[in-house]
Amino acid sequence: MPNARPRATDALSVGELAARSGVAVSAIHFYEREGLIAGWRTGANHRRFHRSTLRRLAVIRIAQRLGLPLAEIGNAFRALPDDHAPDARAWQQLSGLWRGDLDRRIAELTRLRDQLDFCIGCGCLSMKTCPIYNPDDALAERGRGAHRF
């Protein structure tokens, strides 16, 4: 949470934040409890958020669409300031943190897609040799018996 409160024109209520971001109020409260965004209470006990929270919410939604878990998003956000929008360099560093994982997942999905035709055409669905169900017969290393339920 920022030390100095922003000017009233820089602060958004939770309703304004929800309306401008397209994120439900309940999700905003959840993200705050999870430490992904930070707000404060006014003297009248109203919740307020800095305008830069709009950018954070946009990044959270994009990262979730990419399949990134909230814990990973939170870890990346720890390097960003709470009280103002990060500059382009900071966002570039953030995307660099996720790039390797995304590249790995894209390669894995591409391999899976390419093997799918073989699997359907094969018809065996062999638990021992199927390159999709049991790549490189990895389950054999666990010994005899069922290992997946």
Protein backbone atom coordinates (compact mmCIF):
# COMPACT_ATOMS: atom_id res chain seq x y z
CA MET A 1 0.00 0.00 0.00
CA PRO A 2 1.38 3.45 -0.83
CA ASN A 3 2.60 5.65 2.02
CA ALA A 4 1.20 8.90 0.66
CA ARG A 5 -2.43 9.03 -0.36
CA PRO A 6 -2.95 10.18 -3.95
CA ARG A 7 -5.04 13.23 -4.73
CA ALA A 8 -8.78 12.56 -4.77
CA THR A 9 -8.74 12.84 -8.57
CA ASP A 10 -6.21 9.98 -8.74
CA ALA A 11 -8.25 7.67 -6.50
CA LEU A 12 -11.01 5.33 -7.63
CA SER A 13 -13.71 3.67 -5.57
CA VAL A 14 -14.08 -0.08 -5.91
CA GLY A 15 -17.22 0.50 -8.02
CA GLU A 16 -15.40 2.90 -10.35
CA LEU A 17 -12.49 0.48 -10.61
CA ALA A 18 -14.88 -2.36 -11.48
CA ALA A 19 -16.74 -0.28 -14.07
CA ARG A 20 -13.57 0.96 -15.77
CA SER A 21 -11.73 -2.37 -15.74
CA GLY A 22 -14.59 -4.77 -16.44
CA VAL A 23 -13.54 -6.80 -13.38
CA ALA A 24 -16.24 -7.73 -10.85
CA VAL A 25 -16.14 -6.03 -7.45
CA SER A 26 -15.84 -9.45 -5.81
CA ALA A 27 -12.78 -10.22 -7.95
CA ILE A 28 -11.22 -6.88 -7.02
CA HIS A 29 -11.68 -7.70 -3.33
CA PHE A 30 -10.21 -11.17 -3.94
CA TYR A 31 -7.16 -9.76 -5.75
CA GLU A 32 -6.64 -7.34 -2.88
CA ARG A 33 -6.82 -10.15 -0.29
CA GLU A 34 -4.29 -12.10 -2.39
CA GLY A 35 -1.93 -9.09 -2.42
CA LEU A 36 -2.10 -8.49 -6.18
CA ILE A 37 -3.50 -4.98 -5.76
CA ALA A 38 -3.51 -2.56 -2.84
CA GLY A 39 -5.99 0.03 -1.70
CA TRP A 40 -6.76 2.05 1.40
CA ARG A 41 -9.74 3.28 3.39
CA THR A 42 -10.85 6.89 3.58
CA GLY A 43 -11.89 8.60 6.80
CA ALA A 44 -15.46 7.58 5.92
CA ASN A 45 -14.26 3.94 5.65
CA HIS A 46 -14.67 3.84 1.85
CA ARG A 47 -12.26 1.73 -0.17
CA ARG A 48 -10.05 3.63 -2.64
CA PHE A 49 -7.51 2.50 -5.22
CA HIS A 50 -4.86 4.37 -7.17
CA ARG A 51 -5.53 4.75 -10.91
CA SER A 52 -2.50 2.57 -11.64
CA THR A 53 -4.55 -0.35 -10.30
CA LEU A 54 -6.40 -0.31 -13.63
CA ARG A 55 -3.17 -1.34 -15.37
CA ARG A 56 -2.52 -4.07 -12.81
CA LEU A 57 -6.01 -5.48 -13.30
CA ALA A 58 -5.49 -5.53 -17.07
CA VAL A 59 -2.22 -7.43 -16.64
CA ILE A 60 -3.85 -9.87 -14.19
CA ARG A 61 -6.59 -10.66 -16.71
CA ILE A 62 -4.12 -11.12 -19.56
CA ALA A 63 -1.85 -13.30 -17.43
CA GLN A 64 -4.81 -15.45 -16.39
CA ARG A 65 -5.81 -15.87 -20.04
CA LEU A 66 -2.27 -17.11 -20.64
CA GLY A 67 -2.84 -19.70 -17.93
CA LEU A 68 -0.51 -18.20 -15.33
CA PRO A 69 -1.44 -18.99 -11.73
CA LEU A 70 -2.20 -16.09 -9.38
CA ALA A 71 0.80 -16.96 -7.22
CA GLU A 72 3.12 -16.45 -10.19
CA ILE A 73 1.41 -13.18 -11.09
CA GLY A 74 1.80 -12.02 -7.49
CA ASN A 75 5.49 -12.93 -7.45
CA ALA A 76 6.06 -10.87 -10.59
CA PHE A 77 4.10 -7.92 -9.20
CA ARG A 78 6.33 -7.69 -6.13
CA ALA A 79 8.93 -5.92 -8.25
CA LEU A 80 6.44 -3.25 -9.35
CA PRO A 81 5.52 -0.05 -7.47
CA ASP A 82 2.13 0.09 -5.70
CA ASP A 83 1.61 3.84 -5.88
CA HIS A 84 2.03 4.59 -9.57
CA ALA A 85 1.91 2.90 -12.95
CA PRO A 86 5.16 1.16 -13.88
CA ASP A 87 7.05 2.47 -16.88
CA ALA A 88 7.51 0.53 -20.13
CA ARG A 89 10.83 -0.91 -18.94
CA ALA A 90 9.22 -2.40 -15.83
CA TRP A 91 6.45 -4.01 -17.90
CA GLN A 92 9.07 -5.38 -20.29
CA GLN A 93 10.88 -7.01 -17.37
CA LEU A 94 7.59 -8.46 -16.17
CA SER A 95 6.81 -10.01 -19.54
CA GLY A 96 10.35 -11.41 -19.67
CA LEU A 97 9.65 -13.34 -16.46
CA TRP A 98 6.78 -15.15 -18.18
CA ARG A 99 8.23 -15.60 -21.64
CA GLY A 100 10.25 -18.75 -20.91
CA ASP A 101 7.30 -20.53 -19.32
CA LEU A 102 5.02 -19.55 -22.19
CA ASP A 103 7.55 -20.71 -24.78
CA ARG A 104 7.83 -24.07 -22.98
CA ARG A 105 4.05 -24.49 -22.84
CA ILE A 106 3.65 -23.52 -26.50
CA ALA A 107 6.26 -26.11 -27.49
CA GLU A 108 4.52 -28.73 -25.35
CA LEU A 109 1.11 -27.97 -26.85
CA THR A 110 2.54 -28.00 -30.37
CA ARG A 111 4.10 -31.41 -29.74
CA LEU A 112 0.83 -32.68 -28.30
CA ARG A 113 -1.12 -31.37 -31.30
CA ASP A 114 1.29 -33.02 -33.71
CA GLN A 115 1.08 -36.36 -31.89
CA LEU A 116 -2.70 -36.29 -31.65
CA ASP A 117 -3.22 -37.44 -35.25
CA PHE A 118 -0.87 -40.36 -34.68
CA CYS A 119 -2.70 -41.36 -31.51
CA ILE A 120 -6.17 -41.23 -33.02
CA GLY A 121 -4.98 -43.03 -36.16
CA CYS A 122 -3.13 -45.65 -34.14
CA GLY A 123 -6.20 -46.74 -32.20
CA CYS A 124 -4.24 -48.64 -29.56
CA LEU A 125 -4.02 -46.06 -26.79
CA SER A 126 -1.32 -48.24 -25.29
CA MET A 127 -0.60 -47.17 -21.74
CA LYS A 128 2.92 -48.44 -22.17
CA THR A 129 4.01 -46.82 -25.41
CA CYS A 130 1.52 -44.00 -26.11
CA PRO A 131 3.55 -40.79 -26.67
CA ILE A 132 0.66 -38.67 -25.41
CA TYR A 133 -0.57 -40.63 -22.39
CA ASN A 134 2.84 -41.87 -21.26
CA PRO A 135 5.64 -39.96 -23.01
CA ASP A 136 8.97 -41.81 -22.96
CA ASP A 137 7.30 -44.52 -20.82
CA ALA A 138 7.90 -42.33 -17.76
CA LEU A 139 5.43 -44.29 -15.65
CA ALA A 140 7.51 -47.46 -15.95
CA GLU A 141 10.07 -45.83 -13.66
CA ARG A 142 7.52 -45.96 -10.83
CA GLY A 143 7.34 -49.75 -10.94
CA ARG A 144 4.48 -52.13 -11.62
CA GLY A 145 0.81 -51.32 -11.12
CA ALA A 146 -1.48 -48.37 -11.72
CA HIS A 147 -0.01 -44.90 -11.26
CA ARG A 148 -2.81 -42.77 -12.66
CA PHE A 149 -6.36 -42.83 -11.53
